[in-house]
Amino acid sequence: VWSPVAQTVDIPVGSDDSFKIFVNGVERGSFEGIRGAWYGSTNVASVPLVAGFNSVLIKIVQVDGGWGLVTQFAQPGSWAGEGWGNSTPVPGLGYVLNKP
């Protein structure tokens, strides 16, 4: 994820089933259990991003049924619980699949 400035973001995550998220090599949040991938089921709060490229890895552990992942980079403190549209996106972020 490319950020134009150093900033702190929240990352609401919905996963089916468990997940761990690593940003710039540091584990920032996780959920262990069985559930459907509802948007914003877990809010990973106060994640620091550096100006420029930030590596993001989300590991999903599948236990039963299908698997899924939904996430967003949100402005800190804007998460209002599960559901689409319950947080405010961070403007100006971009992404690449392979760092140039």
PDB file of N, CA and C in Angstrom:
ATOM      1  N   VAL A   1       0.861  -1.166   0.000  1.00  0.00           N
ATOM      2  CA  VAL A   1       0.000   0.000   0.000  1.00  0.00           C
ATOM      3  C   VAL A   1       0.901   1.221   0.000  1.00  0.00           C
ATOM      4  N   TRP A   2       0.642   2.145  -0.897  1.00  0.00           N
ATOM      5  CA  TRP A   2       1.411   3.369  -0.987  1.00  0.00           C
ATOM      6  C   TRP A   2       0.659   4.485  -0.280  1.00  0.00           C
ATOM      7  N   SER A   3       1.357   5.180   0.613  1.00  0.00           N
ATOM      8  CA  SER A   3       0.779   6.308   1.338  1.00  0.00           C
ATOM      9  C   SER A   3       1.559   7.566   0.986  1.00  0.00           C
ATOM     10  N   PRO A   4       0.866   8.667   0.691  1.00  0.00           N
ATOM     11  CA  PRO A   4       1.575   9.899   0.333  1.00  0.00           C
ATOM     12  C   PRO A   4       2.310  10.522   1.520  1.00  0.00           C
ATOM     13  N   VAL A   5       1.875  10.187   2.752  1.00  0.00           N
ATOM     14  CA  VAL A   5       2.472  10.737   3.973  1.00  0.00           C
ATOM     15  C   VAL A   5       2.506   9.652   5.040  1.00  0.00           C
ATOM     16  N   ALA A   6       3.363   9.826   6.049  1.00  0.00           N
ATOM     17  CA  ALA A   6       3.314   8.946   7.217  1.00  0.00           C
ATOM     18  C   ALA A   6       2.010   9.251   7.965  1.00  0.00           C
ATOM     19  N   GLN A   7       1.278   8.205   8.308  1.00  0.00           N
ATOM     20  CA  GLN A   7      -0.003   8.404   8.984  1.00  0.00           C
ATOM     21  C   GLN A   7      -0.421   7.131   9.702  1.00  0.00           C
ATOM     22  N   THR A   8      -1.399   7.263  10.572  1.00  0.00           N
ATOM     23  CA  THR A   8      -1.971   6.129  11.285  1.00  0.00           C
ATOM     24  C   THR A   8      -3.362   5.870  10.738  1.00  0.00           C
ATOM     25  N   VAL A   9      -3.684   4.596  10.509  1.00  0.00           N
ATOM     26  CA  VAL A   9      -4.978   4.214   9.948  1.00  0.00           C
ATOM     27  C   VAL A   9      -5.587   3.095  10.797  1.00  0.00           C
ATOM     28  N   ASP A  10      -6.884   2.916  10.648  1.00  0.00           N
ATOM     29  CA  ASP A  10      -7.573   1.737  11.164  1.00  0.00           C
ATOM     30  C   ASP A  10      -7.808   0.801   9.988  1.00  0.00           C
ATOM     31  N   ILE A  11      -7.830  -0.504  10.251  1.00  0.00           N
ATOM     32  CA  ILE A  11      -8.075  -1.479   9.193  1.00  0.00           C
ATOM     33  C   ILE A  11      -9.189  -2.423   9.650  1.00  0.00           C
ATOM     34  N   PRO A  12     -10.454  -2.116   9.309  1.00  0.00           N
ATOM     35  CA  PRO A  12     -11.538  -3.051   9.609  1.00  0.00           C
ATOM     36  C   PRO A  12     -11.387  -4.298   8.731  1.00  0.00           C
ATOM     37  N   VAL A  13     -11.468  -5.475   9.343  1.00  0.00           N
ATOM     38  CA  VAL A  13     -11.268  -6.730   8.623  1.00  0.00           C
ATOM     39  C   VAL A  13     -12.440  -7.662   8.881  1.00  0.00           C
ATOM     40  N   GLY A  14     -12.959  -8.241   7.807  1.00  0.00           N
ATOM     41  CA  GLY A  14     -13.898  -9.353   7.906  1.00  0.00           C
ATOM     42  C   GLY A  14     -13.224 -10.564   7.296  1.00  0.00           C
ATOM     43  N   SER A  15     -13.237 -11.671   8.004  1.00  0.00           N
ATOM     44  CA  SER A  15     -12.529 -12.855   7.512  1.00  0.00           C
ATOM     45  C   SER A  15     -13.363 -14.103   7.738  1.00  0.00           C
ATOM     46  N   ASP A  16     -13.175 -15.064   6.877  1.00  0.00           N
ATOM     47  CA  ASP A  16     -13.814 -16.380   6.981  1.00  0.00           C
ATOM     48  C   ASP A  16     -12.690 -17.403   6.793  1.00  0.00           C
ATOM     49  N   ASP A  17     -12.048 -17.880   7.787  1.00  0.00           N
ATOM     50  CA  ASP A  17     -12.392 -17.829   9.199  1.00  0.00           C
ATOM     51  C   ASP A  17     -11.383 -16.924   9.945  1.00  0.00           C
ATOM     52  N   SER A  18     -10.304 -17.478  10.473  1.00  0.00           N
ATOM     53  CA  SER A  18      -9.321 -16.714  11.249  1.00  0.00           C
ATOM     54  C   SER A  18      -8.426 -15.872  10.344  1.00  0.00           C
ATOM     55  N   PHE A  19      -7.785 -14.839  10.931  1.00  0.00           N
ATOM     56  CA  PHE A  19      -6.810 -14.056  10.168  1.00  0.00           C
ATOM     57  C   PHE A  19      -5.723 -13.514  11.079  1.00  0.00           C
ATOM     58  N   LYS A  20      -4.605 -13.160  10.456  1.00  0.00           N
ATOM     59  CA  LYS A  20      -3.542 -12.346  11.047  1.00  0.00           C
ATOM     60  C   LYS A  20      -3.153 -11.327   9.996  1.00  0.00           C
ATOM     61  N   ILE A  21      -2.906 -10.092  10.409  1.00  0.00           N
ATOM     62  CA  ILE A  21      -2.472  -9.053   9.479  1.00  0.00           C
ATOM     63  C   ILE A  21      -1.110  -8.518   9.922  1.00  0.00           C
ATOM     64  N   PHE A  22      -0.211  -8.410   8.942  1.00  0.00           N
ATOM     65  CA  PHE A  22       1.127  -7.890   9.163  1.00  0.00           C
ATOM     66  C   PHE A  22       1.297  -6.651   8.280  1.00  0.00           C
ATOM     67  N   VAL A  23       1.767  -5.564   8.864  1.00  0.00           N
ATOM     68  CA  VAL A  23       2.058  -4.346   8.116  1.00  0.00           C
ATOM     69  C   VAL A  23       3.526  -4.011   8.361  1.00  0.00           C
ATOM     70  N   ASN A  24       4.263  -3.916   7.278  1.00  0.00           N
ATOM     71  CA  ASN A  24       5.707  -3.672   7.338  1.00  0.00           C
ATOM     72  C   ASN A  24       6.408  -4.676   8.251  1.00  0.00           C
ATOM     73  N   GLY A  25       5.974  -5.932   8.171  1.00  0.00           N
ATOM     74  CA  GLY A  25       6.613  -7.022   8.889  1.00  0.00           C
ATOM     75  C   GLY A  25       6.215  -7.189  10.340  1.00  0.00           C
ATOM     76  N   VAL A  26       5.319  -6.343  10.839  1.00  0.00           N
ATOM     77  CA  VAL A  26       4.900  -6.405  12.236  1.00  0.00           C
ATOM     78  C   VAL A  26       3.444  -6.861  12.306  1.00  0.00           C
ATOM     79  N   GLU A  27       3.174  -7.898  13.142  1.00  0.00           N
ATOM     80  CA  GLU A  27       1.782  -8.332  13.316  1.00  0.00           C
ATOM     81  C   GLU A  27       1.009  -7.219  14.008  1.00  0.00           C
ATOM     82  N   ARG A  28      -0.103  -6.810  13.387  1.00  0.00           N
ATOM     83  CA  ARG A  28      -0.896  -5.688  13.903  1.00  0.00           C
ATOM     84  C   ARG A  28      -2.270  -6.093  14.424  1.00  0.00           C
ATOM     85  N   GLY A  29      -2.737  -7.308  14.083  1.00  0.00           N
ATOM     86  CA  GLY A  29      -4.043  -7.730  14.566  1.00  0.00           C
ATOM     87  C   GLY A  29      -4.343  -9.142  14.135  1.00  0.00           C
ATOM     88  N   SER A  30      -5.349  -9.736  14.784  1.00  0.00           N
ATOM     89  CA  SER A  30      -5.721 -11.108  14.453  1.00  0.00           C
ATOM     90  C   SER A  30      -7.105 -11.427  14.997  1.00  0.00           C
ATOM     91  N   PHE A  31      -7.663 -12.493  14.489  1.00  0.00           N
ATOM     92  CA  PHE A  31      -8.887 -13.096  15.011  1.00  0.00           C
ATOM     93  C   PHE A  31      -8.720 -14.587  14.884  1.00  0.00           C
ATOM     94  N   GLU A  32      -9.074 -15.321  15.926  1.00  0.00           N
ATOM     95  CA  GLU A  32      -9.017 -16.770  15.874  1.00  0.00           C
ATOM     96  C   GLU A  32     -10.409 -17.313  16.179  1.00  0.00           C
ATOM     97  N   GLY A  33     -10.970 -18.054  15.227  1.00  0.00           N
ATOM     98  CA  GLY A  33     -12.302 -18.622  15.396  1.00  0.00           C
ATOM     99  C   GLY A  33     -12.947 -18.897  14.056  1.00  0.00           C
ATOM    100  N   ILE A  34     -14.201 -19.286  14.115  1.00  0.00           N
ATOM    101  CA  ILE A  34     -14.978 -19.601  12.912  1.00  0.00           C
ATOM    102  C   ILE A  34     -16.058 -18.541  12.758  1.00  0.00           C
ATOM    103  N   ARG A  35     -16.137 -17.943  11.557  1.00  0.00           N
ATOM    104  CA  ARG A  35     -17.156 -16.933  11.274  1.00  0.00           C
ATOM    105  C   ARG A  35     -17.234 -16.703   9.783  1.00  0.00           C
ATOM    106  N   GLY A  36     -18.265 -16.011   9.356  1.00  0.00           N
ATOM    107  CA  GLY A  36     -18.384 -15.573   7.977  1.00  0.00           C
ATOM    108  C   GLY A  36     -17.633 -14.271   7.781  1.00  0.00           C
ATOM    109  N   ALA A  37     -17.362 -13.927   6.535  1.00  0.00           N
ATOM    110  CA  ALA A  37     -16.578 -12.729   6.211  1.00  0.00           C
ATOM    111  C   ALA A  37     -17.476 -11.495   6.143  1.00  0.00           C
ATOM    112  N   TRP A  38     -17.930 -11.011   7.281  1.00  0.00           N
ATOM    113  CA  TRP A  38     -18.722  -9.786   7.344  1.00  0.00           C
ATOM    114  C   TRP A  38     -17.777  -8.606   7.434  1.00  0.00           C
ATOM    115  N   TYR A  39     -18.037  -7.566   6.640  1.00  0.00           N
ATOM    116  CA  TYR A  39     -17.165  -6.405   6.628  1.00  0.00           C
ATOM    117  C   TYR A  39     -17.047  -5.801   8.023  1.00  0.00           C
ATOM    118  N   GLY A  40     -15.827  -5.540   8.435  1.00  0.00           N
ATOM    119  CA  GLY A  40     -15.598  -4.826   9.681  1.00  0.00           C
ATOM    120  C   GLY A  40     -15.833  -5.622  10.940  1.00  0.00           C
ATOM    121  N   SER A  41     -15.794  -6.948  10.868  1.00  0.00           N
ATOM    122  CA  SER A  41     -16.025  -7.758  12.073  1.00  0.00           C
ATOM    123  C   SER A  41     -14.975  -7.482  13.145  1.00  0.00           C
ATOM    124  N   THR A  42     -13.756  -7.205  12.746  1.00  0.00           N
ATOM    125  CA  THR A  42     -12.665  -6.882  13.668  1.00  0.00           C
ATOM    126  C   THR A  42     -12.015  -5.593  13.196  1.00  0.00           C
ATOM    127  N   ASN A  43     -11.898  -4.611  14.082  1.00  0.00           N
ATOM    128  CA  ASN A  43     -11.198  -3.382  13.714  1.00  0.00           C
ATOM    129  C   ASN A  43      -9.780  -3.441  14.247  1.00  0.00           C
ATOM    130  N   VAL A  44      -8.809  -3.400  13.346  1.00  0.00           N
ATOM    131  CA  VAL A  44      -7.402  -3.338  13.720  1.00  0.00           C
ATOM    132  C   VAL A  44      -7.063  -1.847  13.770  1.00  0.00           C
ATOM    133  N   ALA A  45      -6.950  -1.311  14.980  1.00  0.00           N
ATOM    134  CA  ALA A  45      -6.842   0.138  15.162  1.00  0.00           C
ATOM    135  C   ALA A  45      -5.396   0.608  15.261  1.00  0.00           C
ATOM    136  N   SER A  46      -5.207   1.850  14.883  1.00  0.00           N
ATOM    137  CA  SER A  46      -3.944   2.575  15.070  1.00  0.00           C
ATOM    138  C   SER A  46      -2.745   1.885  14.430  1.00  0.00           C
ATOM    139  N   VAL A  47      -2.858   1.598  13.140  1.00  0.00           N
ATOM    140  CA  VAL A  47      -1.771   0.964  12.400  1.00  0.00           C
ATOM    141  C   VAL A  47      -0.942   2.058  11.720  1.00  0.00           C
ATOM    142  N   PRO A  48       0.360   2.134  12.020  1.00  0.00           N
ATOM    143  CA  PRO A  48       1.182   3.171  11.399  1.00  0.00           C
ATOM    144  C   PRO A  48       1.577   2.795   9.973  1.00  0.00           C
ATOM    145  N   LEU A  49       1.466   3.762   9.078  1.00  0.00           N
ATOM    146  CA  LEU A  49       1.972   3.639   7.714  1.00  0.00           C
ATOM    147  C   LEU A  49       3.107   4.640   7.544  1.00  0.00           C
ATOM    148  N   VAL A  50       4.128   4.258   6.805  1.00  0.00           N
ATOM    149  CA  VAL A  50       5.197   5.187   6.476  1.00  0.00           C
ATOM    150  C   VAL A  50       4.849   5.889   5.166  1.00  0.00           C
ATOM    151  N   ALA A  51       5.474   7.010   4.904  1.00  0.00           N
ATOM    152  CA  ALA A  51       5.316   7.661   3.608  1.00  0.00           C
ATOM    153  C   ALA A  51       5.988   6.767   2.568  1.00  0.00           C
ATOM    154  N   GLY A  52       5.293   6.503   1.475  1.00  0.00           N
ATOM    155  CA  GLY A  52       5.811   5.613   0.439  1.00  0.00           C
ATOM    156  C   GLY A  52       5.178   4.239   0.548  1.00  0.00           C
ATOM    157  N   PHE A  53       5.951   3.215   0.202  1.00  0.00           N
ATOM    158  CA  PHE A  53       5.404   1.857   0.155  1.00  0.00           C
ATOM    159  C   PHE A  53       5.381   1.191   1.529  1.00  0.00           C
ATOM    160  N   ASN A  54       4.284   0.486   1.812  1.00  0.00           N
ATOM    161  CA  ASN A  54       4.082  -0.286   3.034  1.00  0.00           C
ATOM    162  C   ASN A  54       3.687  -1.698   2.632  1.00  0.00           C
ATOM    163  N   SER A  55       4.391  -2.698   3.159  1.00  0.00           N
ATOM    164  CA  SER A  55       4.005  -4.077   2.843  1.00  0.00           C
ATOM    165  C   SER A  55       2.842  -4.494   3.739  1.00  0.00           C
ATOM    166  N   VAL A  56       1.858  -5.162   3.149  1.00  0.00           N
ATOM    167  CA  VAL A  56       0.692  -5.648   3.882  1.00  0.00           C
ATOM    168  C   VAL A  56       0.488  -7.109   3.524  1.00  0.00           C
ATOM    169  N   LEU A  57       0.430  -7.959   4.544  1.00  0.00           N
ATOM    170  CA  LEU A  57       0.176  -9.382   4.361  1.00  0.00           C
ATOM    171  C   LEU A  57      -0.969  -9.773   5.281  1.00  0.00           C
ATOM    172  N   ILE A  58      -2.012 -10.380   4.720  1.00  0.00           N
ATOM    173  CA  ILE A  58      -3.116 -10.882   5.526  1.00  0.00           C
ATOM    174  C   ILE A  58      -3.205 -12.379   5.313  1.00  0.00           C
ATOM    175  N   LYS A  59      -3.052 -13.123   6.379  1.00  0.00           N
ATOM    176  CA  LYS A  59      -3.110 -14.581   6.325  1.00  0.00           C
ATOM    177  C   LYS A  59      -4.497 -15.025   6.790  1.00  0.00           C
ATOM    178  N   ILE A  60      -5.167 -15.819   5.956  1.00  0.00           N
ATOM    179  CA  ILE A  60      -6.473 -16.378   6.289  1.00  0.00           C
ATOM    180  C   ILE A  60      -6.296 -17.854   6.625  1.00  0.00           C
ATOM    181  N   VAL A  61      -6.921 -18.301   7.702  1.00  0.00           N
ATOM    182  CA  VAL A  61      -6.928 -19.712   8.065  1.00  0.00           C
ATOM    183  C   VAL A  61      -8.347 -20.217   7.878  1.00  0.00           C
ATOM    184  N   GLN A  62      -8.511 -21.184   6.990  1.00  0.00           N
ATOM    185  CA  GLN A  62      -9.812 -21.742   6.680  1.00  0.00           C
ATOM    186  C   GLN A  62     -10.084 -22.951   7.562  1.00  0.00           C
ATOM    187  N   VAL A  63     -11.244 -22.957   8.234  1.00  0.00           N
ATOM    188  CA  VAL A  63     -11.618 -24.058   9.119  1.00  0.00           C
ATOM    189  C   VAL A  63     -12.784 -24.845   8.535  1.00  0.00           C
ATOM    190  N   ASP A  64     -13.847 -24.150   8.111  1.00  0.00           N
ATOM    191  CA  ASP A  64     -15.058 -24.831   7.667  1.00  0.00           C
ATOM    192  C   ASP A  64     -15.724 -24.028   6.555  1.00  0.00           C
ATOM    193  N   GLY A  65     -16.258 -24.715   5.547  1.00  0.00           N
ATOM    194  CA  GLY A  65     -16.965 -24.044   4.457  1.00  0.00           C
ATOM    195  C   GLY A  65     -16.028 -23.269   3.562  1.00  0.00           C
ATOM    196  N   GLY A  66     -16.545 -22.191   2.962  1.00  0.00           N
ATOM    197  CA  GLY A  66     -15.742 -21.353   2.080  1.00  0.00           C
ATOM    198  C   GLY A  66     -14.869 -20.404   2.871  1.00  0.00           C
ATOM    199  N   TRP A  67     -14.047 -19.646   2.162  1.00  0.00           N
ATOM    200  CA  TRP A  67     -13.204 -18.656   2.823  1.00  0.00           C
ATOM    201  C   TRP A  67     -13.487 -17.298   2.211  1.00  0.00           C
ATOM    202  N   GLY A  68     -13.103 -16.236   2.909  1.00  0.00           N
ATOM    203  CA  GLY A  68     -13.303 -14.906   2.376  1.00  0.00           C
ATOM    204  C   GLY A  68     -12.541 -13.864   3.163  1.00  0.00           C
ATOM    205  N   LEU A  69     -12.364 -12.687   2.549  1.00  0.00           N
ATOM    206  CA  LEU A  69     -11.699 -11.561   3.185  1.00  0.00           C
ATOM    207  C   LEU A  69     -12.277 -10.276   2.615  1.00  0.00           C
ATOM    208  N   VAL A  70     -12.645  -9.355   3.492  1.00  0.00           N
ATOM    209  CA  VAL A  70     -13.036  -8.001   3.106  1.00  0.00           C
ATOM    210  C   VAL A  70     -12.334  -7.037   4.047  1.00  0.00           C
ATOM    211  N   THR A  71     -11.764  -5.967   3.504  1.00  0.00           N
ATOM    212  CA  THR A  71     -11.038  -5.022   4.347  1.00  0.00           C
ATOM    213  C   THR A  71     -11.015  -3.642   3.703  1.00  0.00           C
ATOM    214  N   GLN A  72     -10.570  -2.676   4.488  1.00  0.00           N
ATOM    215  CA  GLN A  72     -10.483  -1.294   4.030  1.00  0.00           C
ATOM    216  C   GLN A  72      -9.467  -0.575   4.912  1.00  0.00           C
ATOM    217  N   PHE A  73      -8.817   0.432   4.383  1.00  0.00           N
ATOM    218  CA  PHE A  73      -7.993   1.314   5.191  1.00  0.00           C
ATOM    219  C   PHE A  73      -8.866   2.513   5.536  1.00  0.00           C
ATOM    220  N   ALA A  74      -9.114   2.707   6.838  1.00  0.00           N
ATOM    221  CA  ALA A  74     -10.079   3.707   7.290  1.00  0.00           C
ATOM    222  C   ALA A  74      -9.415   4.783   8.139  1.00  0.00           C
ATOM    223  N   GLN A  75     -10.042   5.957   8.149  1.00  0.00           N
ATOM    224  CA  GLN A  75      -9.547   7.029   8.993  1.00  0.00           C
ATOM    225  C   GLN A  75      -9.696   6.609  10.458  1.00  0.00           C
ATOM    226  N   PRO A  76      -8.687   6.890  11.281  1.00  0.00           N
ATOM    227  CA  PRO A  76      -8.721   6.475  12.684  1.00  0.00           C
ATOM    228  C   PRO A  76      -9.976   6.963  13.399  1.00  0.00           C
ATOM    229  N   GLY A  77     -10.574   6.058  14.154  1.00  0.00           N
ATOM    230  CA  GLY A  77     -11.755   6.404  14.941  1.00  0.00           C
ATOM    231  C   GLY A  77     -13.059   6.455  14.175  1.00  0.00           C
ATOM    232  N   SER A  78     -13.035   6.172  12.871  1.00  0.00           N
ATOM    233  CA  SER A  78     -14.269   6.285  12.081  1.00  0.00           C
ATOM    234  C   SER A  78     -15.059   4.977  12.021  1.00  0.00           C
ATOM    235  N   TRP A  79     -14.480   3.867  12.513  1.00  0.00           N
ATOM    236  CA  TRP A  79     -15.163   2.571  12.465  1.00  0.00           C
ATOM    237  C   TRP A  79     -16.358   2.591  13.407  1.00  0.00           C
ATOM    238  N   ALA A  80     -17.539   2.218  12.897  1.00  0.00           N
ATOM    239  CA  ALA A  80     -18.767   2.238  13.702  1.00  0.00           C
ATOM    240  C   ALA A  80     -19.383   0.853  13.813  1.00  0.00           C
ATOM    241  N   GLY A  81     -18.594  -0.196  13.639  1.00  0.00           N
ATOM    242  CA  GLY A  81     -19.108  -1.556  13.769  1.00  0.00           C
ATOM    243  C   GLY A  81     -19.271  -2.233  12.429  1.00  0.00           C
ATOM    244  N   GLU A  82     -19.765  -3.456  12.488  1.00  0.00           N
ATOM    245  CA  GLU A  82     -19.921  -4.263  11.274  1.00  0.00           C
ATOM    246  C   GLU A  82     -20.821  -3.582  10.255  1.00  0.00           C
ATOM    247  N   GLY A  83     -20.526  -3.840   8.987  1.00  0.00           N
ATOM    248  CA  GLY A  83     -21.379  -3.359   7.909  1.00  0.00           C
ATOM    249  C   GLY A  83     -20.651  -2.453   6.940  1.00  0.00           C
ATOM    250  N   TRP A  84     -21.047  -2.530   5.678  1.00  0.00           N
ATOM    251  CA  TRP A  84     -20.470  -1.678   4.638  1.00  0.00           C
ATOM    252  C   TRP A  84     -20.807  -0.229   4.926  1.00  0.00           C
ATOM    253  N   GLY A  85     -19.860   0.646   4.715  1.00  0.00           N
ATOM    254  CA  GLY A  85     -20.094   2.076   4.885  1.00  0.00           C
ATOM    255  C   GLY A  85     -19.997   2.551   6.322  1.00  0.00           C
ATOM    256  N   ASN A  86     -19.550   1.685   7.238  1.00  0.00           N
ATOM    257  CA  ASN A  86     -19.471   2.083   8.636  1.00  0.00           C
ATOM    258  C   ASN A  86     -18.099   2.606   9.032  1.00  0.00           C
ATOM    259  N   SER A  87     -17.295   2.984   8.052  1.00  0.00           N
ATOM    260  CA  SER A  87     -16.015   3.645   8.318  1.00  0.00           C
ATOM    261  C   SER A  87     -15.702   4.563   7.143  1.00  0.00           C
ATOM    262  N   THR A  88     -14.811   5.511   7.373  1.00  0.00           N
ATOM    263  CA  THR A  88     -14.468   6.498   6.355  1.00  0.00           C
ATOM    264  C   THR A  88     -13.129   6.130   5.720  1.00  0.00           C
ATOM    265  N   PRO A  89     -13.092   5.926   4.394  1.00  0.00           N
ATOM    266  CA  PRO A  89     -11.835   5.555   3.725  1.00  0.00           C
ATOM    267  C   PRO A  89     -10.759   6.630   3.886  1.00  0.00           C
ATOM    268  N   VAL A  90      -9.503   6.197   3.832  1.00  0.00           N
ATOM    269  CA  VAL A  90      -8.360   7.116   3.869  1.00  0.00           C
ATOM    270  C   VAL A  90      -8.097   7.580   2.435  1.00  0.00           C
ATOM    271  N   PRO A  91      -8.156   8.884   2.170  1.00  0.00           N
ATOM    272  CA  PRO A  91      -7.906   9.361   0.811  1.00  0.00           C
ATOM    273  C   PRO A  91      -6.429   9.291   0.446  1.00  0.00           C
ATOM    274  N   GLY A  92      -6.146   9.108  -0.847  1.00  0.00           N
ATOM    275  CA  GLY A  92      -4.798   9.207  -1.359  1.00  0.00           C
ATOM    276  C   GLY A  92      -3.962   7.949  -1.322  1.00  0.00           C
ATOM    277  N   LEU A  93      -4.513   6.836  -0.792  1.00  0.00           N
ATOM    278  CA  LEU A  93      -3.744   5.601  -0.762  1.00  0.00           C
ATOM    279  C   LEU A  93      -3.796   4.920  -2.127  1.00  0.00           C
ATOM    280  N   GLY A  94      -2.770   4.151  -2.443  1.00  0.00           N
ATOM    281  CA  GLY A  94      -2.738   3.357  -3.661  1.00  0.00           C
ATOM    282  C   GLY A  94      -2.144   2.008  -3.352  1.00  0.00           C
ATOM    283  N   TYR A  95      -2.125   1.136  -4.329  1.00  0.00           N
ATOM    284  CA  TYR A  95      -1.517  -0.173  -4.102  1.00  0.00           C
ATOM    285  C   TYR A  95      -0.894  -0.702  -5.381  1.00  0.00           C
ATOM    286  N   VAL A  96       0.095  -1.564  -5.197  1.00  0.00           N
ATOM    287  CA  VAL A  96       0.703  -2.314  -6.280  1.00  0.00           C
ATOM    288  C   VAL A  96       0.867  -3.735  -5.787  1.00  0.00           C
ATOM    289  N   LEU A  97       0.826  -4.688  -6.698  1.00  0.00           N
ATOM    290  CA  LEU A  97       0.976  -6.083  -6.305  1.00  0.00           C
ATOM    291  C   LEU A  97       2.433  -6.467  -6.106  1.00  0.00           C
ATOM    292  N   ASN A  98       3.325  -5.788  -6.799  1.00  0.00           N
ATOM    293  CA  ASN A  98       4.771  -6.022  -6.641  1.00  0.00           C
ATOM    294  C   ASN A  98       5.445  -4.666  -6.576  1.00  0.00           C
ATOM    295  N   LYS A  99       6.223  -4.438  -5.518  1.00  0.00           N
ATOM    296  CA  LYS A  99       6.904  -3.158  -5.360  1.00  0.00           C
ATOM    297  C   LYS A  99       7.883  -2.947  -6.505  1.00  0.00           C
ATOM    298  N   PRO A 100       7.826  -1.764  -7.166  1.00  0.00           N
ATOM    299  CA  PRO A 100       8.741  -1.497  -8.285  1.00  0.00           C
ATOM    300  C   PRO A 100      10.193  -1.394  -7.838  1.00  0.00           C
TER     301      PRO A 100
END
